[in-house]
């Protein structure tokens, strides 16, 4: 006899333990919120690439099956997909599976779409960022209909339609969990904070140039960054070149709890990425009381304390204006909670699920 209704989530990566808060944070929060708001629904997570081991384990009570796909490239890719397909077949036999949810419209969606189609199981893809770009050639193989797609932001829905000719019908926004944040305290001792991986997309060379320009007018500026990545040495060399060692601290990888604490000590969260779906760290920074300054606007409406600029020069001017304002408001700004997004996601699979479920 099959157990409770089950949703199977397919994801490229998932935390190997409950302490790994830095892996796919938005997706972690979505899984937690689904379990919290709909405890009667069973969730099984299939993680393709990470953790770097084949295993079955429990994550906050959620069953996770990992396939170590990162070490199974080229010809071994066939065996990876076969293993996942067989696991999906076994799971649908053992559980009352009402739907498949793929994080990103990529490899996971390729398997999820066709397994769902051939086994009469609903499948949706949550478009989370890079998958909306034109370079995502897997969309041609997935062939999704608009009704099978949920975008994380209006920006991503527009991008997906522009690049792939299909308009995602559903919007399930990225969001935060307000319960994770400590109480706000008085005083903001940190001028600027950056959080993210040192990758070309994030444009941390531009970040350094912005800080350098501000430093000319505010020699005592205090800047921290949390994160790691392949361009770390390049960023370190720029900090040294511009003699910013006394102003700029690279903290490396930090836990989610430590990052949220730093945000609540910060005046400006600086985000220099040239492409973002609906950045989790920006949403968190807003709720932590920061003012966010970025190049990318994820939604059409204006967002309180989120300042959009078009050029590095404009970014410098905006940061200086904010830092020199002694009356700046550092109150919390909540755009979306993950509980609400989880309700939207669940409604895709079962309209009968009560939106007020608790």
Protein backbone atom coordinates (compact mmCIF):
# COMPACT_ATOMS: atom_id res chain seq x y z
CA UNK A 1 0.00 0.00 0.00
CA UNK A 2 1.37 3.38 -1.03
CA UNK A 3 1.89 6.11 1.56
CA UNK A 4 0.89 9.78 1.60
CA UNK A 5 0.89 11.96 -1.51
CA UNK A 6 4.48 12.63 -2.55
CA UNK A 7 6.32 15.26 -4.55
CA UNK A 8 9.71 14.34 -5.96
CA UNK A 9 12.16 17.22 -6.31
CA UNK A 10 15.00 16.98 -8.84
CA UNK A 11 17.95 19.30 -8.22
CA UNK A 12 21.55 19.61 -9.43
CA UNK A 13 22.78 19.96 -5.85
CA UNK A 14 21.55 19.74 -2.30
CA UNK A 15 23.26 20.06 1.11
CA UNK A 16 25.13 16.98 2.26
CA UNK A 17 24.19 17.86 5.84
CA UNK A 18 22.03 20.30 7.76
CA UNK A 19 25.09 22.48 8.45
CA UNK A 20 25.71 23.20 4.74
CA UNK A 21 23.58 26.33 4.58
CA UNK A 22 25.53 27.77 1.62
CA UNK A 23 24.43 25.17 -0.96
CA UNK A 24 21.44 26.28 -3.12
CA UNK A 25 19.97 28.43 -0.31
CA UNK A 26 16.72 29.34 -2.11
CA UNK A 27 16.03 25.71 -2.88
CA UNK A 28 16.76 24.71 0.72
CA UNK A 29 14.25 27.27 1.93
CA UNK A 30 11.63 26.07 -0.54
CA UNK A 31 11.95 22.46 0.64
CA UNK A 32 11.74 23.53 4.29
CA UNK A 33 8.71 25.72 3.62
CA UNK A 34 6.90 22.95 1.71
CA UNK A 35 7.43 20.59 4.63
CA UNK A 36 6.35 23.23 7.14
CA UNK A 37 3.20 24.39 5.33
CA UNK A 38 2.14 20.96 4.05
CA UNK A 39 3.24 18.33 6.57
CA UNK A 40 0.77 15.85 5.07
CA UNK A 41 2.76 15.83 1.80
CA UNK A 42 5.81 13.58 1.58
CA UNK A 43 8.89 15.02 -0.18
CA UNK A 44 11.74 13.07 -1.77
CA UNK A 45 14.77 14.94 -3.14
CA UNK A 46 16.96 13.49 -5.91
CA UNK A 47 20.26 15.39 -6.11
CA UNK A 48 22.17 14.82 -9.35
CA UNK A 49 25.67 16.27 -8.86
CA UNK A 50 26.30 17.08 -5.20
CA UNK A 51 26.91 15.69 -2.52
CA UNK A 52 30.06 14.03 -3.81
CA UNK A 53 28.84 10.59 -2.86
CA UNK A 54 26.08 8.16 -3.73
CA UNK A 55 23.90 7.92 -0.67
CA UNK A 56 20.47 8.10 0.91
CA UNK A 57 20.09 10.32 3.96
CA UNK A 58 17.67 12.46 5.92
CA UNK A 59 17.80 16.28 5.85
CA UNK A 60 15.47 17.87 8.41
CA UNK A 61 13.24 14.82 7.99
CA UNK A 62 13.28 14.94 4.17
CA UNK A 63 14.51 11.88 2.29
CA UNK A 64 17.44 12.78 -0.01
CA UNK A 65 19.02 10.48 -2.59
CA UNK A 66 22.31 11.68 -4.10
CA UNK A 67 24.00 10.32 -7.24
CA UNK A 68 27.48 11.95 -7.22
CA UNK A 69 27.04 13.07 -10.82
CA UNK A 70 29.93 15.53 -10.63
CA UNK A 71 32.31 12.57 -10.91
CA UNK A 72 30.33 10.86 -13.68
CA UNK A 73 31.09 12.82 -16.81
CA UNK A 74 31.02 11.96 -20.52
CA UNK A 75 30.18 8.26 -21.02
CA UNK A 76 29.33 7.87 -17.35
CA UNK A 77 26.58 10.47 -17.88
CA UNK A 78 24.49 7.75 -19.47
CA UNK A 79 24.79 5.59 -16.37
CA UNK A 80 23.93 8.61 -14.18
CA UNK A 81 20.72 9.30 -16.08
CA UNK A 82 19.87 5.58 -16.05
CA UNK A 83 20.31 5.43 -12.27
CA UNK A 84 18.11 8.48 -11.76
CA UNK A 85 15.44 7.13 -14.11
CA UNK A 86 15.41 3.80 -12.28
CA UNK A 87 15.18 5.60 -8.93
CA UNK A 88 12.20 7.58 -10.23
CA UNK A 89 10.51 4.34 -11.32
CA UNK A 90 11.11 2.79 -7.91
CA UNK A 91 9.91 5.90 -6.13
CA UNK A 92 6.65 6.04 -8.09
CA UNK A 93 6.03 2.39 -7.21
CA UNK A 94 6.73 2.89 -3.51
CA UNK A 95 5.01 6.27 -3.11
CA UNK A 96 1.85 7.98 -4.27
CA UNK A 97 3.70 10.52 -6.43
CA UNK A 98 1.49 13.46 -7.42
CA UNK A 99 4.18 15.51 -9.10
CA UNK A 100 7.79 16.18 -10.06
CA UNK A 101 9.49 19.52 -9.46
CA UNK A 102 12.79 20.41 -11.14
CA UNK A 103 14.96 23.18 -9.80
CA UNK A 104 16.21 25.03 -12.90
CA UNK A 105 15.15 24.17 -16.43
CA UNK A 106 18.24 22.10 -17.18
CA UNK A 107 19.34 18.48 -16.83
CA UNK A 108 16.91 17.86 -14.00
CA UNK A 109 14.02 19.18 -16.07
CA UNK A 110 15.10 17.08 -19.06
CA UNK A 111 14.66 13.90 -17.07
CA UNK A 112 11.69 15.16 -15.07
CA UNK A 113 9.75 16.34 -18.12
CA UNK A 114 10.03 13.10 -20.06
CA UNK A 115 9.65 10.77 -17.11
CA UNK A 116 6.54 12.68 -16.13
CA UNK A 117 5.15 12.63 -19.65
CA UNK A 118 5.67 8.89 -20.13
CA UNK A 119 4.38 8.03 -16.66
CA UNK A 120 1.47 10.50 -16.49
CA UNK A 121 2.90 12.53 -13.58
CA UNK A 122 2.73 16.32 -13.44
CA UNK A 123 6.09 18.04 -13.89
CA UNK A 124 7.08 21.67 -13.34
CA UNK A 125 10.39 23.51 -13.67
CA UNK A 126 11.27 26.36 -11.33
CA UNK A 127 13.31 28.81 -13.44
CA UNK A 128 15.92 30.14 -11.04
CA UNK A 129 18.49 32.14 -12.99
CA UNK A 130 21.01 31.09 -15.62
CA UNK A 131 18.54 28.60 -17.12
CA UNK A 132 16.59 31.53 -18.65
CA UNK A 133 19.58 32.62 -20.72
CA UNK A 134 19.97 31.90 -24.42
CA UNK A 135 22.98 29.65 -23.79
CA UNK A 136 20.73 27.01 -22.19
CA UNK A 137 20.53 24.60 -25.13
CA UNK A 138 18.70 21.94 -23.12
CA UNK A 139 15.44 23.86 -23.45
CA UNK A 140 15.18 22.60 -27.05
CA UNK A 141 15.28 19.00 -25.77
CA UNK A 142 12.96 19.63 -22.83
CA UNK A 143 10.38 21.38 -25.01
CA UNK A 144 8.45 22.81 -22.07
CA UNK A 145 5.01 24.33 -22.42
CA UNK A 146 4.37 27.62 -20.66
CA UNK A 147 2.05 25.88 -18.20
CA UNK A 148 4.95 23.66 -17.09
CA UNK A 149 7.16 26.59 -16.09
CA UNK A 150 7.27 28.69 -12.92
CA UNK A 151 9.65 31.66 -12.96
CA UNK A 152 11.35 32.99 -9.84
CA UNK A 153 10.79 36.60 -10.96
CA UNK A 154 9.15 38.63 -13.76
CA UNK A 155 12.66 39.39 -15.05
CA UNK A 156 13.31 35.67 -15.54
CA UNK A 157 9.92 35.14 -17.18
CA UNK A 158 10.76 37.91 -19.67
CA UNK A 159 14.24 36.49 -20.26
CA UNK A 160 12.96 32.97 -20.84
CA UNK A 161 10.36 34.16 -23.33
CA UNK A 162 12.85 36.37 -25.14
CA UNK A 163 15.51 33.65 -25.40
CA UNK A 164 13.40 30.51 -25.83
CA UNK A 165 10.06 31.66 -27.25
CA UNK A 166 7.99 30.25 -24.37
CA UNK A 167 6.33 32.41 -21.72
CA UNK A 168 6.31 30.82 -18.24
CA UNK A 169 2.68 30.85 -17.12
CA UNK A 170 3.38 30.75 -13.38
CA UNK A 171 5.27 33.01 -11.01
CA UNK A 172 6.69 31.51 -7.80
CA UNK A 173 8.92 34.19 -6.35
CA UNK A 174 12.21 33.66 -4.60
CA UNK A 175 11.81 34.57 -0.95
CA UNK A 176 13.26 34.45 2.55
CA UNK A 177 12.38 32.96 5.91
CA UNK A 178 11.99 35.88 8.36
CA UNK A 179 12.29 33.49 11.31
CA UNK A 180 16.00 32.97 10.56
CA UNK A 181 16.92 36.58 11.31
CA UNK A 182 18.14 37.79 14.70
CA UNK A 183 16.50 40.83 16.29
CA UNK A 184 17.58 44.16 14.84
CA UNK A 185 20.02 46.10 16.99
CA UNK A 186 20.99 49.76 16.95
CA UNK A 187 24.10 50.88 15.14
CA UNK A 188 25.53 50.11 11.71
CA UNK A 189 29.31 49.87 11.95
CA UNK A 190 29.95 48.35 8.51
CA UNK A 191 29.61 50.63 5.47
CA UNK A 192 29.44 48.12 2.61
CA UNK A 193 29.00 44.35 2.43
CA UNK A 194 29.27 42.00 -0.52
CA UNK A 195 28.25 38.33 -0.49
CA UNK A 196 28.77 35.88 -3.32
CA UNK A 197 31.19 33.73 -5.25
CA UNK A 198 34.18 35.24 -7.04
CA UNK A 199 32.93 34.47 -10.55
CA UNK A 200 33.03 36.68 -13.69
CA UNK A 201 29.25 37.08 -13.68
CA UNK A 202 29.38 38.76 -10.27
CA UNK A 203 31.80 41.46 -11.51
CA UNK A 204 33.81 41.80 -8.31
CA UNK A 205 36.45 43.72 -10.24
CA UNK A 206 33.76 46.38 -10.67
CA UNK A 207 32.97 46.04 -6.95
CA UNK A 208 36.61 46.91 -6.13
CA UNK A 209 36.56 49.87 -8.51
CA UNK A 210 33.40 51.19 -6.80
CA UNK A 211 35.02 50.90 -3.38
CA UNK A 212 38.18 52.56 -4.69
CA UNK A 213 36.20 55.56 -5.96
CA UNK A 214 34.26 55.90 -2.70
CA UNK A 215 37.52 55.62 -0.75
CA UNK A 216 38.80 58.79 -2.41
CA UNK A 217 36.04 60.75 -0.64
CA UNK A 218 35.65 58.53 2.42
CA UNK A 219 39.15 57.30 3.40
CA UNK A 220 37.82 55.47 6.45
CA UNK A 221 35.27 53.36 4.57
CA UNK A 222 34.82 49.85 5.98
CA UNK A 223 34.00 47.03 3.54
CA UNK A 224 33.58 43.27 4.09
CA UNK A 225 33.02 40.43 1.65
CA UNK A 226 31.84 36.86 2.30
CA UNK A 227 32.48 34.19 -0.31
CA UNK A 228 34.98 32.13 -2.25
CA UNK A 229 35.58 31.42 -5.94
CA UNK A 230 37.98 31.08 -8.82
CA UNK A 231 38.68 34.82 -9.15
CA UNK A 232 39.71 35.31 -5.53
CA UNK A 233 43.40 35.89 -6.34
CA UNK A 234 42.45 38.48 -8.94
CA UNK A 235 40.34 40.36 -6.39
CA UNK A 236 43.10 40.14 -3.77
CA UNK A 237 45.59 41.61 -6.23
CA UNK A 238 43.24 44.52 -7.01
CA UNK A 239 42.79 45.28 -3.32
CA UNK A 240 46.57 45.36 -2.93
CA UNK A 241 47.06 47.40 -6.10
CA UNK A 242 44.67 50.11 -4.91
CA UNK A 243 46.05 50.00 -1.35
CA UNK A 244 42.69 49.11 0.18
CA UNK A 245 43.99 46.50 2.64
CA UNK A 246 43.03 48.66 5.63
CA UNK A 247 39.50 49.15 4.33
CA UNK A 248 38.57 45.87 2.67
CA UNK A 249 38.38 42.49 4.44
CA UNK A 250 37.79 39.22 2.58
CA UNK A 251 36.18 36.91 5.12
CA UNK A 252 35.93 33.80 2.92
CA UNK A 253 33.09 31.33 3.27
CA UNK A 254 30.74 32.08 6.16
CA UNK A 255 27.72 30.26 7.52
CA UNK A 256 24.28 31.59 6.69
CA UNK A 257 23.83 32.65 10.31
CA UNK A 258 27.08 34.65 10.24
CA UNK A 259 26.13 36.35 6.97
CA UNK A 260 22.73 37.43 8.31
CA UNK A 261 24.41 38.82 11.42
CA UNK A 262 26.84 40.84 9.29
CA UNK A 263 23.99 42.18 7.17
CA UNK A 264 22.33 43.59 10.25
CA UNK A 265 25.51 45.57 10.98
CA UNK A 266 25.70 46.94 7.41
CA UNK A 267 24.52 50.16 5.78
CA UNK A 268 24.80 49.21 2.09
CA UNK A 269 24.65 45.81 0.45
CA UNK A 270 26.49 46.25 -2.86
CA UNK A 271 25.56 43.89 -5.68
CA UNK A 272 27.53 44.32 -8.90
CA UNK A 273 26.33 41.21 -10.77
CA UNK A 274 25.31 41.84 -14.38
CA UNK A 275 22.58 39.19 -14.30
CA UNK A 276 20.34 38.00 -11.45
CA UNK A 277 17.07 36.12 -11.36
CA UNK A 278 15.90 37.32 -7.95
CA UNK A 279 18.93 37.33 -5.70
CA UNK A 280 18.44 35.66 -2.32
CA UNK A 281 21.20 37.71 -0.72
CA UNK A 282 19.55 40.95 -1.85
CA UNK A 283 16.22 39.86 -0.37
CA UNK A 284 17.98 38.92 2.85
CA UNK A 285 19.89 42.19 2.95
CA UNK A 286 16.67 44.17 2.64
CA UNK A 287 15.08 42.29 5.53
CA UNK A 288 18.26 42.79 7.56
CA UNK A 289 17.78 46.55 7.16
CA UNK A 290 20.41 47.24 4.50
CA UNK A 291 20.01 49.49 1.49
CA UNK A 292 20.70 47.46 -1.66
CA UNK A 293 22.45 49.03 -4.64
CA UNK A 294 22.54 46.96 -7.84
CA UNK A 295 22.52 47.00 -11.64
CA UNK A 296 19.65 44.53 -12.07
CA UNK A 297 15.99 45.02 -11.14
CA UNK A 298 14.12 41.69 -10.71
CA UNK A 299 10.56 43.05 -10.73
CA UNK A 300 8.83 45.95 -12.45
CA UNK A 301 7.65 47.69 -9.29
CA UNK A 302 9.89 49.90 -7.21
CA UNK A 303 11.24 48.22 -4.07
CA UNK A 304 11.80 50.22 -0.92
CA UNK A 305 15.52 50.51 -0.05
CA UNK A 306 16.53 48.79 -3.33
CA UNK A 307 18.36 51.33 -5.51
CA UNK A 308 18.81 50.54 -9.20
CA UNK A 309 21.69 52.12 -11.12
CA UNK A 310 22.88 51.75 -14.70
CA UNK A 311 26.59 52.53 -14.59
CA UNK A 312 29.51 52.17 -12.15
CA UNK A 313 29.71 55.96 -11.92
CA UNK A 314 26.06 56.14 -10.92
CA UNK A 315 26.64 53.36 -8.40
CA UNK A 316 29.43 55.37 -6.76
CA UNK A 317 27.23 58.46 -6.55
CA UNK A 318 24.33 56.51 -5.06
CA UNK A 319 26.54 54.83 -2.44
CA UNK A 320 28.07 58.14 -1.40
CA UNK A 321 24.63 59.74 -1.14
CA UNK A 322 23.42 56.94 1.12
CA UNK A 323 26.56 56.77 3.27
CA UNK A 324 26.53 60.53 3.85
CA UNK A 325 22.87 60.54 4.90
CA UNK A 326 22.83 60.60 8.70
CA UNK A 327 19.03 60.09 8.74
CA UNK A 328 19.02 56.91 6.66
CA UNK A 329 16.26 54.44 7.54
CA UNK A 330 17.48 50.91 8.31
CA UNK A 331 14.10 49.30 8.87
CA UNK A 332 13.27 45.83 7.57
CA UNK A 333 11.81 45.39 4.09
CA UNK A 334 10.02 42.11 3.33
CA UNK A 335 9.15 41.47 -0.32
CA UNK A 336 8.17 37.79 -0.19
CA UNK A 337 8.22 35.07 2.46
CA UNK A 338 9.05 31.52 1.41
CA UNK A 339 5.91 30.25 3.14
CA UNK A 340 3.83 32.17 0.59
CA UNK A 341 5.97 30.94 -2.30
CA UNK A 342 5.60 27.35 -1.05
CA UNK A 343 1.81 27.73 -1.17
CA UNK A 344 2.03 28.90 -4.78
CA UNK A 345 4.28 25.99 -5.67
CA UNK A 346 2.02 23.44 -4.05
CA UNK A 347 -1.02 24.85 -5.82
CA UNK A 348 0.58 23.94 -9.14
CA UNK A 349 0.35 20.28 -8.23
CA UNK A 350 -2.92 20.08 -6.35
CA UNK A 351 -5.50 22.83 -6.52
CA UNK A 352 -7.36 21.10 -3.72
CA UNK A 353 -4.55 21.83 -1.23
CA UNK A 354 -5.84 24.50 1.12
CA UNK A 355 -3.87 27.73 0.77
CA UNK A 356 -4.29 28.33 4.45
CA UNK A 357 -2.73 25.02 5.41
CA UNK A 358 -0.42 25.29 8.39
